[in-house]
Amino acid sequence: MARVFQINKGVSRPIVFKGLKAQYIAYLAVGLVLLLITFAVLYILGLSLFVVLPVILGLGTLLFYGVFALSRRFGQYGLMKYFAKRSLPKAIIFRSRRVFTSLKVKT
């Protein structure tokens, strides 16, 4: 009898959902949870629904637009690379040779 094996295609590929890649799905999920909490807090504070709803819908629109724009611009790992590149110094300045002379190993 022949055995039937499943083939897992795309095992090492990033997760993609509706055009969002990798970590941007999590960013959108966290943003939506924060919007839900904001809605609840504003509603409990007694603000009118006619004030709360447009604010939350506007912030939600900005959230979706921003996350999709980041996903398109940077891709899977591009945002991390962008922040890593920004944290590098422009130049390294040494005022003394002591830094280099102390590296010499004495045997």
C-alpha atoms as a PDB file:
ATOM      1  CA  MET A   1       0.000   0.000   0.000  1.00  0.00           C
ATOM      2  CA  ALA A   2       1.177   3.457  -0.837  1.00  0.00           C
ATOM      3  CA  ARG A   3       1.469   6.051   1.870  1.00  0.00           C
ATOM      4  CA  VAL A   4       0.166   9.557   1.387  1.00  0.00           C
ATOM      5  CA  PHE A   5       2.388  12.330   2.700  1.00  0.00           C
ATOM      6  CA  GLN A   6       1.367  15.934   3.066  1.00  0.00           C
ATOM      7  CA  ILE A   7       3.580  18.521   1.428  1.00  0.00           C
ATOM      8  CA  ASN A   8       3.978  21.722   3.404  1.00  0.00           C
ATOM      9  CA  LYS A   9       4.514  24.370   0.781  1.00  0.00           C
ATOM     10  CA  GLY A  10       5.765  27.752   1.852  1.00  0.00           C
ATOM     11  CA  VAL A  11       6.988  26.710   5.279  1.00  0.00           C
ATOM     12  CA  SER A  12       9.687  29.390   5.435  1.00  0.00           C
ATOM     13  CA  ARG A  13       7.628  32.135   3.792  1.00  0.00           C
ATOM     14  CA  PRO A  14       6.378  35.074   5.886  1.00  0.00           C
ATOM     15  CA  ILE A  15       2.755  35.289   6.941  1.00  0.00           C
ATOM     16  CA  VAL A  16       0.713  37.493   4.601  1.00  0.00           C
ATOM     17  CA  PHE A  17      -2.852  38.580   5.334  1.00  0.00           C
ATOM     18  CA  LYS A  18      -4.711  40.907   2.964  1.00  0.00           C
ATOM     19  CA  GLY A  19      -1.422  42.461   1.859  1.00  0.00           C
ATOM     20  CA  LEU A  20       0.029  42.899   5.350  1.00  0.00           C
ATOM     21  CA  LYS A  21       3.332  41.172   5.866  1.00  0.00           C
ATOM     22  CA  ALA A  22       4.851  39.597   8.993  1.00  0.00           C
ATOM     23  CA  GLN A  23       4.912  41.865  12.072  1.00  0.00           C
ATOM     24  CA  TYR A  24       2.510  44.447  10.609  1.00  0.00           C
ATOM     25  CA  ILE A  25      -0.373  42.063  11.311  1.00  0.00           C
ATOM     26  CA  ALA A  26       0.516  42.275  15.002  1.00  0.00           C
ATOM     27  CA  TYR A  27       0.857  46.073  14.837  1.00  0.00           C
ATOM     28  CA  LEU A  28      -2.642  46.319  13.374  1.00  0.00           C
ATOM     29  CA  ALA A  29      -4.073  43.923  15.985  1.00  0.00           C
ATOM     30  CA  VAL A  30      -2.524  45.875  18.872  1.00  0.00           C
ATOM     31  CA  GLY A  31      -3.783  49.135  17.379  1.00  0.00           C
ATOM     32  CA  LEU A  32      -7.327  47.773  17.081  1.00  0.00           C
ATOM     33  CA  VAL A  33      -7.284  46.593  20.704  1.00  0.00           C
ATOM     34  CA  LEU A  34      -6.103  50.048  21.794  1.00  0.00           C
ATOM     35  CA  LEU A  35      -8.906  51.640  19.777  1.00  0.00           C
ATOM     36  CA  LEU A  36     -11.429  49.367  21.470  1.00  0.00           C
ATOM     37  CA  ILE A  37     -10.115  50.322  24.910  1.00  0.00           C
ATOM     38  CA  THR A  38     -10.154  54.014  23.955  1.00  0.00           C
ATOM     39  CA  PHE A  39     -13.753  53.701  22.793  1.00  0.00           C
ATOM     40  CA  ALA A  40     -14.763  52.032  26.059  1.00  0.00           C
ATOM     41  CA  VAL A  41     -13.003  54.644  28.206  1.00  0.00           C
ATOM     42  CA  LEU A  42     -14.506  57.584  26.306  1.00  0.00           C
ATOM     43  CA  TYR A  43     -17.982  56.047  26.423  1.00  0.00           C
ATOM     44  CA  ILE A  44     -17.718  55.321  30.160  1.00  0.00           C
ATOM     45  CA  LEU A  45     -16.572  58.891  30.790  1.00  0.00           C
ATOM     46  CA  GLY A  46     -19.941  60.002  29.444  1.00  0.00           C
ATOM     47  CA  LEU A  47     -19.031  61.504  26.094  1.00  0.00           C
ATOM     48  CA  SER A  48     -21.782  61.407  23.522  1.00  0.00           C
ATOM     49  CA  LEU A  49     -21.762  58.608  20.996  1.00  0.00           C
ATOM     50  CA  PHE A  50     -21.895  61.264  18.272  1.00  0.00           C
ATOM     51  CA  VAL A  51     -18.508  62.528  19.482  1.00  0.00           C
ATOM     52  CA  VAL A  52     -16.853  59.199  20.305  1.00  0.00           C
ATOM     53  CA  LEU A  53     -17.742  57.369  17.102  1.00  0.00           C
ATOM     54  CA  PRO A  54     -16.181  59.832  14.619  1.00  0.00           C
ATOM     55  CA  VAL A  55     -13.044  60.074  16.746  1.00  0.00           C
ATOM     56  CA  ILE A  56     -12.618  56.291  16.863  1.00  0.00           C
ATOM     57  CA  LEU A  57     -13.438  55.875  13.167  1.00  0.00           C
ATOM     58  CA  GLY A  58     -10.938  58.594  12.250  1.00  0.00           C
ATOM     59  CA  LEU A  59      -8.209  57.051  14.393  1.00  0.00           C
ATOM     60  CA  GLY A  60      -9.028  53.615  12.949  1.00  0.00           C
ATOM     61  CA  THR A  61      -8.723  54.955   9.417  1.00  0.00           C
ATOM     62  CA  LEU A  62      -5.352  56.512  10.254  1.00  0.00           C
ATOM     63  CA  LEU A  63      -4.241  53.243  11.851  1.00  0.00           C
ATOM     64  CA  PHE A  64      -5.143  51.164   8.788  1.00  0.00           C
ATOM     65  CA  TYR A  65      -3.605  53.666   6.381  1.00  0.00           C
ATOM     66  CA  GLY A  66      -0.418  53.928   8.436  1.00  0.00           C
ATOM     67  CA  VAL A  67       0.116  50.196   8.920  1.00  0.00           C
ATOM     68  CA  PHE A  68      -0.545  49.388   5.264  1.00  0.00           C
ATOM     69  CA  ALA A  69       1.798  52.201   4.193  1.00  0.00           C
ATOM     70  CA  LEU A  70       4.558  50.852   6.455  1.00  0.00           C
ATOM     71  CA  SER A  71       4.011  47.336   5.106  1.00  0.00           C
ATOM     72  CA  ARG A  72       4.262  48.535   1.508  1.00  0.00           C
ATOM     73  CA  ARG A  73       7.279  50.780   2.114  1.00  0.00           C
ATOM     74  CA  PHE A  74       9.466  48.554   4.270  1.00  0.00           C
ATOM     75  CA  GLY A  75       8.311  44.984   3.698  1.00  0.00           C
ATOM     76  CA  GLN A  76       9.022  42.125   6.064  1.00  0.00           C
ATOM     77  CA  TYR A  77      12.258  43.209   7.779  1.00  0.00           C
ATOM     78  CA  GLY A  78      12.707  46.711   6.379  1.00  0.00           C
ATOM     79  CA  LEU A  79      11.369  48.618   9.375  1.00  0.00           C
ATOM     80  CA  MET A  80      13.824  46.910  11.736  1.00  0.00           C
ATOM     81  CA  LYS A  81      16.671  47.609   9.310  1.00  0.00           C
ATOM     82  CA  TYR A  82      15.566  51.245   9.040  1.00  0.00           C
ATOM     83  CA  PHE A  83      15.651  51.750  12.813  1.00  0.00           C
ATOM     84  CA  ALA A  84      18.960  49.879  13.099  1.00  0.00           C
ATOM     85  CA  LYS A  85      20.528  52.098  10.450  1.00  0.00           C
ATOM     86  CA  ARG A  86      19.278  55.241  12.193  1.00  0.00           C
ATOM     87  CA  SER A  87      20.883  54.156  15.469  1.00  0.00           C
ATOM     88  CA  LEU A  88      24.354  53.842  13.922  1.00  0.00           C
ATOM     89  CA  PRO A  89      26.673  56.789  14.564  1.00  0.00           C
ATOM     90  CA  LYS A  90      27.729  58.951  11.616  1.00  0.00           C
ATOM     91  CA  ALA A  91      31.371  58.870  12.667  1.00  0.00           C
ATOM     92  CA  ILE A  92      33.543  57.512  15.458  1.00  0.00           C
ATOM     93  CA  ILE A  93      35.991  60.038  16.874  1.00  0.00           C
ATOM     94  CA  PHE A  94      39.015  59.045  18.928  1.00  0.00           C
ATOM     95  CA  ARG A  95      40.913  61.806  20.701  1.00  0.00           C
ATOM     96  CA  SER A  96      43.588  59.460  21.999  1.00  0.00           C
ATOM     97  CA  ARG A  97      45.499  56.418  20.806  1.00  0.00           C
ATOM     98  CA  ARG A  98      45.071  54.804  24.216  1.00  0.00           C
ATOM     99  CA  VAL A  99      41.990  52.932  23.002  1.00  0.00           C
ATOM    100  CA  PHE A 100      44.059  51.139  20.363  1.00  0.00           C
ATOM    101  CA  THR A 101      47.176  50.599  22.452  1.00  0.00           C
ATOM    102  CA  SER A 102      45.160  48.970  25.232  1.00  0.00           C
ATOM    103  CA  LEU A 103      43.905  46.373  22.738  1.00  0.00           C
ATOM    104  CA  LYS A 104      47.389  44.957  22.299  1.00  0.00           C
ATOM    105  CA  VAL A 105      47.666  41.591  23.975  1.00  0.00           C
ATOM    106  CA  LYS A 106      50.687  41.244  26.272  1.00  0.00           C
ATOM    107  CA  THR A 107      52.152  37.747  26.184  1.00  0.00           C
END
